[in-house]
Amino acid sequence: MYYVGLDLGQKRDFSAIVAVDRQGTGLVVRYAERMPLGTPYPRVVERVREIVRSSQLLGNCTLSVDATGVGAPVVDMLSAARLGCELNAITITGGENGAGNGRVPKRDLMAEVEVLLESGRLTIGRLKEGARLVKELKDIRMRVNGAGRMRMGAEGSGEHDDLVIALALACWRAKGRQTIGERGQRLI
């Protein structure tokens, strides 16, 4: 089974797609792609469809999408694209606790990746974007602002965290995580 994560961006952030598969008790990153800045959302949906309908993934994958901000209409576009895989819309929050209904704190997503990496249960295969993914992982920082709110990401380091977010979404689902009220939808 393959678990695909999609982080959406467009003008300042990249849209990123990462696929992992389960190997025993661990996960292996098998695919990573960062689309060019400015890629229109219909092209992102088209690219995701090409990937999940490939011979290796067709009928053998689940897609978790960042439904934050512009994500909701893109999730609608993905639903209409007849992907042939389960679609999970996840709204990434900045809060401490998930509020259910498809909402997950960014901190929890990132913690899942950290635990997998530290325990040796997440490996990155030979990928064209492998070095970029590793760099993004190294650039992730957690900061507390003056108001006491935690911010997590690559902000301030001059880099992006799009591949890491896509990876986190894939890992979240691969580890069997669901948010309260989340329901997978099989798309034909």
C-alpha atoms as a PDB file:
ATOM      1  CA  MET A   1       0.000   0.000   0.000  1.00  0.00           C
ATOM      2  CA  TYR A   2       1.273   3.461  -0.908  1.00  0.00           C
ATOM      3  CA  TYR A   3       0.483   6.584   1.066  1.00  0.00           C
ATOM      4  CA  VAL A   4       0.633   9.828  -0.877  1.00  0.00           C
ATOM      5  CA  GLY A   5       0.772  13.272   0.706  1.00  0.00           C
ATOM      6  CA  LEU A   6      -0.026  16.498  -1.152  1.00  0.00           C
ATOM      7  CA  ASP A   7       0.925  19.921   0.189  1.00  0.00           C
ATOM      8  CA  LEU A   8      -0.613  22.763  -1.799  1.00  0.00           C
ATOM      9  CA  GLY A   9       1.120  25.988  -2.708  1.00  0.00           C
ATOM     10  CA  GLN A  10       1.227  28.265  -5.704  1.00  0.00           C
ATOM     11  CA  LYS A  11       2.645  31.787  -5.586  1.00  0.00           C
ATOM     12  CA  ARG A  12       5.160  31.719  -2.682  1.00  0.00           C
ATOM     13  CA  ASP A  13       5.135  28.048  -1.784  1.00  0.00           C
ATOM     14  CA  PHE A  14       5.500  24.982  -3.952  1.00  0.00           C
ATOM     15  CA  SER A  15       2.936  22.237  -4.318  1.00  0.00           C
ATOM     16  CA  ALA A  16       4.650  19.010  -3.289  1.00  0.00           C
ATOM     17  CA  ILE A  17       3.799  15.338  -3.660  1.00  0.00           C
ATOM     18  CA  VAL A  18       5.436  12.560  -1.624  1.00  0.00           C
ATOM     19  CA  ALA A  19       4.663   8.831  -1.716  1.00  0.00           C
ATOM     20  CA  VAL A  20       5.759   6.335   0.915  1.00  0.00           C
ATOM     21  CA  ASP A  21       5.203   2.611   1.165  1.00  0.00           C
ATOM     22  CA  ARG A  22       5.221   0.281   4.115  1.00  0.00           C
ATOM     23  CA  GLN A  23       8.175  -2.093   4.453  1.00  0.00           C
ATOM     24  CA  GLY A  24       7.674  -4.307   7.498  1.00  0.00           C
ATOM     25  CA  THR A  25       7.266  -1.930  10.454  1.00  0.00           C
ATOM     26  CA  GLY A  26       8.849   0.991   8.624  1.00  0.00           C
ATOM     27  CA  LEU A  27       8.157   3.355   5.774  1.00  0.00           C
ATOM     28  CA  VAL A  28      10.248   4.143   2.701  1.00  0.00           C
ATOM     29  CA  VAL A  29       9.912   7.368   0.722  1.00  0.00           C
ATOM     30  CA  ARG A  30       9.565   6.146  -2.865  1.00  0.00           C
ATOM     31  CA  TYR A  31       8.665   9.375  -4.660  1.00  0.00           C
ATOM     32  CA  ALA A  32       8.973  13.110  -4.065  1.00  0.00           C
ATOM     33  CA  GLU A  33       8.172  15.965  -6.411  1.00  0.00           C
ATOM     34  CA  ARG A  34       8.093  19.706  -5.895  1.00  0.00           C
ATOM     35  CA  MET A  35       6.130  21.394  -8.663  1.00  0.00           C
ATOM     36  CA  PRO A  36       7.302  24.761 -10.050  1.00  0.00           C
ATOM     37  CA  LEU A  37       6.057  27.933  -8.374  1.00  0.00           C
ATOM     38  CA  GLY A  38       2.920  29.233 -10.040  1.00  0.00           C
ATOM     39  CA  THR A  39       1.693  25.798 -11.148  1.00  0.00           C
ATOM     40  CA  PRO A  40      -2.083  26.198 -11.582  1.00  0.00           C
ATOM     41  CA  TYR A  41      -4.213  23.966  -9.362  1.00  0.00           C
ATOM     42  CA  PRO A  42      -5.842  22.158 -12.315  1.00  0.00           C
ATOM     43  CA  ARG A  43      -2.314  21.091 -13.387  1.00  0.00           C
ATOM     44  CA  VAL A  44      -1.540  19.969  -9.805  1.00  0.00           C
ATOM     45  CA  VAL A  45      -4.708  17.837  -9.831  1.00  0.00           C
ATOM     46  CA  GLU A  46      -3.746  16.443 -13.242  1.00  0.00           C
ATOM     47  CA  ARG A  47      -0.254  15.546 -11.992  1.00  0.00           C
ATOM     48  CA  VAL A  48      -1.621  13.874  -8.852  1.00  0.00           C
ATOM     49  CA  ARG A  49      -4.022  11.892 -11.036  1.00  0.00           C
ATOM     50  CA  GLU A  50      -1.112  10.743 -13.249  1.00  0.00           C
ATOM     51  CA  ILE A  51       0.802   9.563 -10.177  1.00  0.00           C
ATOM     52  CA  VAL A  52      -1.999   7.748  -8.323  1.00  0.00           C
ATOM     53  CA  ARG A  53      -3.257   6.120 -11.533  1.00  0.00           C
ATOM     54  CA  SER A  54       0.205   4.785 -12.424  1.00  0.00           C
ATOM     55  CA  SER A  55       0.413   1.007 -12.710  1.00  0.00           C
ATOM     56  CA  GLN A  56       2.159   0.690  -9.342  1.00  0.00           C
ATOM     57  CA  LEU A  57      -0.252   2.854  -7.331  1.00  0.00           C
ATOM     58  CA  LEU A  58      -3.617   2.345  -9.056  1.00  0.00           C
ATOM     59  CA  GLY A  59      -6.027   0.866  -6.528  1.00  0.00           C
ATOM     60  CA  ASN A  60      -3.162   0.514  -4.042  1.00  0.00           C
ATOM     61  CA  CYS A  61      -2.878   3.967  -2.502  1.00  0.00           C
ATOM     62  CA  THR A  62      -4.467   6.578  -0.327  1.00  0.00           C
ATOM     63  CA  LEU A  63      -4.057  10.335  -0.797  1.00  0.00           C
ATOM     64  CA  SER A  64      -3.917  12.802   2.103  1.00  0.00           C
ATOM     65  CA  VAL A  65      -4.262  16.439   1.082  1.00  0.00           C
ATOM     66  CA  ASP A  66      -3.549  19.660   2.939  1.00  0.00           C
ATOM     67  CA  ALA A  67      -7.047  21.180   2.924  1.00  0.00           C
ATOM     68  CA  THR A  68      -5.890  24.346   4.720  1.00  0.00           C
ATOM     69  CA  GLY A  69      -6.650  27.683   3.038  1.00  0.00           C
ATOM     70  CA  VAL A  70      -7.150  27.086  -0.689  1.00  0.00           C
ATOM     71  CA  GLY A  71      -7.188  23.350  -0.067  1.00  0.00           C
ATOM     72  CA  ALA A  72     -10.968  22.905   0.128  1.00  0.00           C
ATOM     73  CA  PRO A  73     -11.655  23.794  -3.527  1.00  0.00           C
ATOM     74  CA  VAL A  74      -8.667  21.719  -4.652  1.00  0.00           C
ATOM     75  CA  VAL A  75     -10.026  18.761  -2.657  1.00  0.00           C
ATOM     76  CA  ASP A  76     -13.281  19.237  -4.611  1.00  0.00           C
ATOM     77  CA  MET A  77     -11.266  19.166  -7.858  1.00  0.00           C
ATOM     78  CA  LEU A  78      -9.467  15.996  -6.724  1.00  0.00           C
ATOM     79  CA  SER A  79     -12.810  14.379  -5.881  1.00  0.00           C
ATOM     80  CA  ALA A  80     -14.087  15.171  -9.368  1.00  0.00           C
ATOM     81  CA  ALA A  81     -10.883  13.795 -10.974  1.00  0.00           C
ATOM     82  CA  ARG A  82     -11.839  10.168 -10.289  1.00  0.00           C
ATOM     83  CA  LEU A  83      -8.459   9.256  -8.854  1.00  0.00           C
ATOM     84  CA  GLY A  84      -9.170   5.634  -7.982  1.00  0.00           C
ATOM     85  CA  CYS A  85      -7.852   5.983  -4.430  1.00  0.00           C
ATOM     86  CA  GLU A  86      -9.028   6.988  -0.985  1.00  0.00           C
ATOM     87  CA  LEU A  87      -8.922  10.748  -0.423  1.00  0.00           C
ATOM     88  CA  ASN A  88      -8.387  12.285   3.022  1.00  0.00           C
ATOM     89  CA  ALA A  89      -8.652  16.042   3.461  1.00  0.00           C
ATOM     90  CA  ILE A  90      -6.626  17.283   6.437  1.00  0.00           C
ATOM     91  CA  THR A  91      -6.746  20.839   7.722  1.00  0.00           C
ATOM     92  CA  ILE A  92      -3.434  21.670   9.375  1.00  0.00           C
ATOM     93  CA  THR A  93      -3.878  23.821  12.460  1.00  0.00           C
ATOM     94  CA  GLY A  94      -1.408  25.810  14.508  1.00  0.00           C
ATOM     95  CA  GLY A  95      -3.088  24.908  17.776  1.00  0.00           C
ATOM     96  CA  GLU A  96      -2.102  22.497  20.481  1.00  0.00           C
ATOM     97  CA  ASN A  97      -5.054  20.163  20.072  1.00  0.00           C
ATOM     98  CA  GLY A  98      -6.840  18.807  17.036  1.00  0.00           C
ATOM     99  CA  ALA A  99     -10.434  19.897  16.870  1.00  0.00           C
ATOM    100  CA  GLY A 100     -11.597  16.836  14.930  1.00  0.00           C
ATOM    101  CA  ASN A 101     -13.410  16.956  11.613  1.00  0.00           C
ATOM    102  CA  GLY A 102     -10.201  16.509   9.652  1.00  0.00           C
ATOM    103  CA  ARG A 103      -8.109  18.975  11.687  1.00  0.00           C
ATOM    104  CA  VAL A 104      -4.575  18.071  12.828  1.00  0.00           C
ATOM    105  CA  PRO A 105      -2.036  20.318  14.567  1.00  0.00           C
ATOM    106  CA  LYS A 106       1.114  20.849  12.497  1.00  0.00           C
ATOM    107  CA  ARG A 107       3.091  19.920  15.590  1.00  0.00           C
ATOM    108  CA  ASP A 108       1.519  16.437  15.599  1.00  0.00           C
ATOM    109  CA  LEU A 109       2.234  15.898  11.897  1.00  0.00           C
ATOM    110  CA  MET A 110       5.869  16.898  12.312  1.00  0.00           C
ATOM    111  CA  ALA A 111       6.259  14.837  15.493  1.00  0.00           C
ATOM    112  CA  GLU A 112       5.157  11.736  13.571  1.00  0.00           C
ATOM    113  CA  VAL A 113       7.967  12.258  11.032  1.00  0.00           C
ATOM    114  CA  GLU A 114      10.493  12.969  13.784  1.00  0.00           C
ATOM    115  CA  VAL A 115       9.626   9.795  15.698  1.00  0.00           C
ATOM    116  CA  LEU A 116       9.825   7.698  12.532  1.00  0.00           C
ATOM    117  CA  LEU A 117      13.212   9.163  11.592  1.00  0.00           C
ATOM    118  CA  GLU A 118      14.705   8.867  15.083  1.00  0.00           C
ATOM    119  CA  SER A 119      13.571   5.253  15.424  1.00  0.00           C
ATOM    120  CA  GLY A 120      14.991   4.351  12.003  1.00  0.00           C
ATOM    121  CA  ARG A 121      11.536   3.407  10.704  1.00  0.00           C
ATOM    122  CA  LEU A 122      11.547   6.038   7.938  1.00  0.00           C
ATOM    123  CA  THR A 123      14.085   5.925   5.147  1.00  0.00           C
ATOM    124  CA  ILE A 124      14.408   7.966   1.992  1.00  0.00           C
ATOM    125  CA  GLY A 125      14.963   5.927  -1.142  1.00  0.00           C
ATOM    126  CA  ARG A 126      17.099   7.061  -4.077  1.00  0.00           C
ATOM    127  CA  LEU A 127      15.069   9.972  -5.371  1.00  0.00           C
ATOM    128  CA  LYS A 128      15.634  12.866  -7.717  1.00  0.00           C
ATOM    129  CA  GLU A 129      14.336  15.181  -4.957  1.00  0.00           C
ATOM    130  CA  GLY A 130      15.908  13.196  -2.100  1.00  0.00           C
ATOM    131  CA  ALA A 131      18.611  15.761  -1.298  1.00  0.00           C
ATOM    132  CA  ARG A 132      16.053  18.579  -1.289  1.00  0.00           C
ATOM    133  CA  LEU A 133      13.803  16.609   1.063  1.00  0.00           C
ATOM    134  CA  VAL A 134      16.706  15.978   3.453  1.00  0.00           C
ATOM    135  CA  LYS A 135      17.615  19.697   3.369  1.00  0.00           C
ATOM    136  CA  GLU A 136      14.037  20.672   4.160  1.00  0.00           C
ATOM    137  CA  LEU A 137      13.999  18.207   7.067  1.00  0.00           C
ATOM    138  CA  LYS A 138      17.166  19.824   8.434  1.00  0.00           C
ATOM    139  CA  ASP A 139      15.720  23.354   8.039  1.00  0.00           C
ATOM    140  CA  ILE A 140      12.579  22.732  10.109  1.00  0.00           C
ATOM    141  CA  ARG A 141      12.585  24.801  13.289  1.00  0.00           C
ATOM    142  CA  MET A 142      10.185  25.289  16.153  1.00  0.00           C
ATOM    143  CA  ARG A 143       9.861  28.817  17.523  1.00  0.00           C
ATOM    144  CA  VAL A 144       7.731  30.458  20.159  1.00  0.00           C
ATOM    145  CA  ASN A 145       6.738  34.018  19.301  1.00  0.00           C
ATOM    146  CA  GLY A 146       6.299  36.916  21.754  1.00  0.00           C
ATOM    147  CA  ALA A 147       2.646  36.012  22.297  1.00  0.00           C
ATOM    148  CA  GLY A 148       3.645  32.496  23.345  1.00  0.00           C
ATOM    149  CA  ARG A 149       2.359  30.860  20.166  1.00  0.00           C
ATOM    150  CA  MET A 150       4.439  28.094  18.671  1.00  0.00           C
ATOM    151  CA  ARG A 151       5.410  28.270  14.969  1.00  0.00           C
ATOM    152  CA  MET A 152       6.963  25.376  13.180  1.00  0.00           C
ATOM    153  CA  GLY A 153       8.461  25.312   9.718  1.00  0.00           C
ATOM    154  CA  ALA A 154      11.344  26.525   7.613  1.00  0.00           C
ATOM    155  CA  GLU A 155      10.396  30.196   7.949  1.00  0.00           C
ATOM    156  CA  GLY A 156      13.407  32.408   8.363  1.00  0.00           C
ATOM    157  CA  SER A 157      15.857  29.844   7.033  1.00  0.00           C
ATOM    158  CA  GLY A 158      15.351  30.887   3.423  1.00  0.00           C
ATOM    159  CA  GLU A 159      13.984  27.481   2.510  1.00  0.00           C
ATOM    160  CA  HIS A 160      10.627  25.797   2.165  1.00  0.00           C
ATOM    161  CA  ASP A 161       8.992  22.919   4.000  1.00  0.00           C
ATOM    162  CA  ASP A 162       6.601  21.787   1.275  1.00  0.00           C
ATOM    163  CA  LEU A 163       8.145  18.340   0.743  1.00  0.00           C
ATOM    164  CA  VAL A 164       8.252  17.796   4.507  1.00  0.00           C
ATOM    165  CA  ILE A 165       4.567  18.683   4.891  1.00  0.00           C
ATOM    166  CA  ALA A 166       3.665  16.310   2.036  1.00  0.00           C
ATOM    167  CA  LEU A 167       5.804  13.636   3.724  1.00  0.00           C
ATOM    168  CA  ALA A 168       4.128  14.292   7.083  1.00  0.00           C
ATOM    169  CA  LEU A 169       0.661  13.946   5.540  1.00  0.00           C
ATOM    170  CA  ALA A 170       1.645  10.634   3.936  1.00  0.00           C
ATOM    171  CA  CYS A 171       3.219   9.316   7.155  1.00  0.00           C
ATOM    172  CA  TRP A 172       0.241  10.417   9.251  1.00  0.00           C
ATOM    173  CA  ARG A 173      -2.073   8.271   7.169  1.00  0.00           C
ATOM    174  CA  ALA A 174       0.412   5.404   6.799  1.00  0.00           C
ATOM    175  CA  LYS A 175       0.590   5.123  10.574  1.00  0.00           C
ATOM    176  CA  GLY A 176      -3.179   4.671  10.612  1.00  0.00           C
ATOM    177  CA  ARG A 177      -3.869   8.092  12.037  1.00  0.00           C
ATOM    178  CA  GLN A 178      -7.251   9.589  11.450  1.00  0.00           C
ATOM    179  CA  THR A 179      -8.704  12.687  12.915  1.00  0.00           C
ATOM    180  CA  ILE A 180     -11.977  12.640  14.827  1.00  0.00           C
ATOM    181  CA  GLY A 181     -14.751  12.829  12.293  1.00  0.00           C
ATOM    182  CA  GLU A 182     -12.473  12.105   9.324  1.00  0.00           C
ATOM    183  CA  ARG A 183     -13.734   9.618   6.837  1.00  0.00           C
ATOM    184  CA  GLY A 184     -11.909   8.229   3.884  1.00  0.00           C
ATOM    185  CA  GLN A 185     -13.776   8.470   0.626  1.00  0.00           C
ATOM    186  CA  ARG A 186     -13.134   5.922  -2.105  1.00  0.00           C
ATOM    187  CA  LEU A 187     -12.966   7.677  -5.457  1.00  0.00           C
ATOM    188  CA  ILE A 188     -13.453   5.717  -8.653  1.00  0.00           C
END
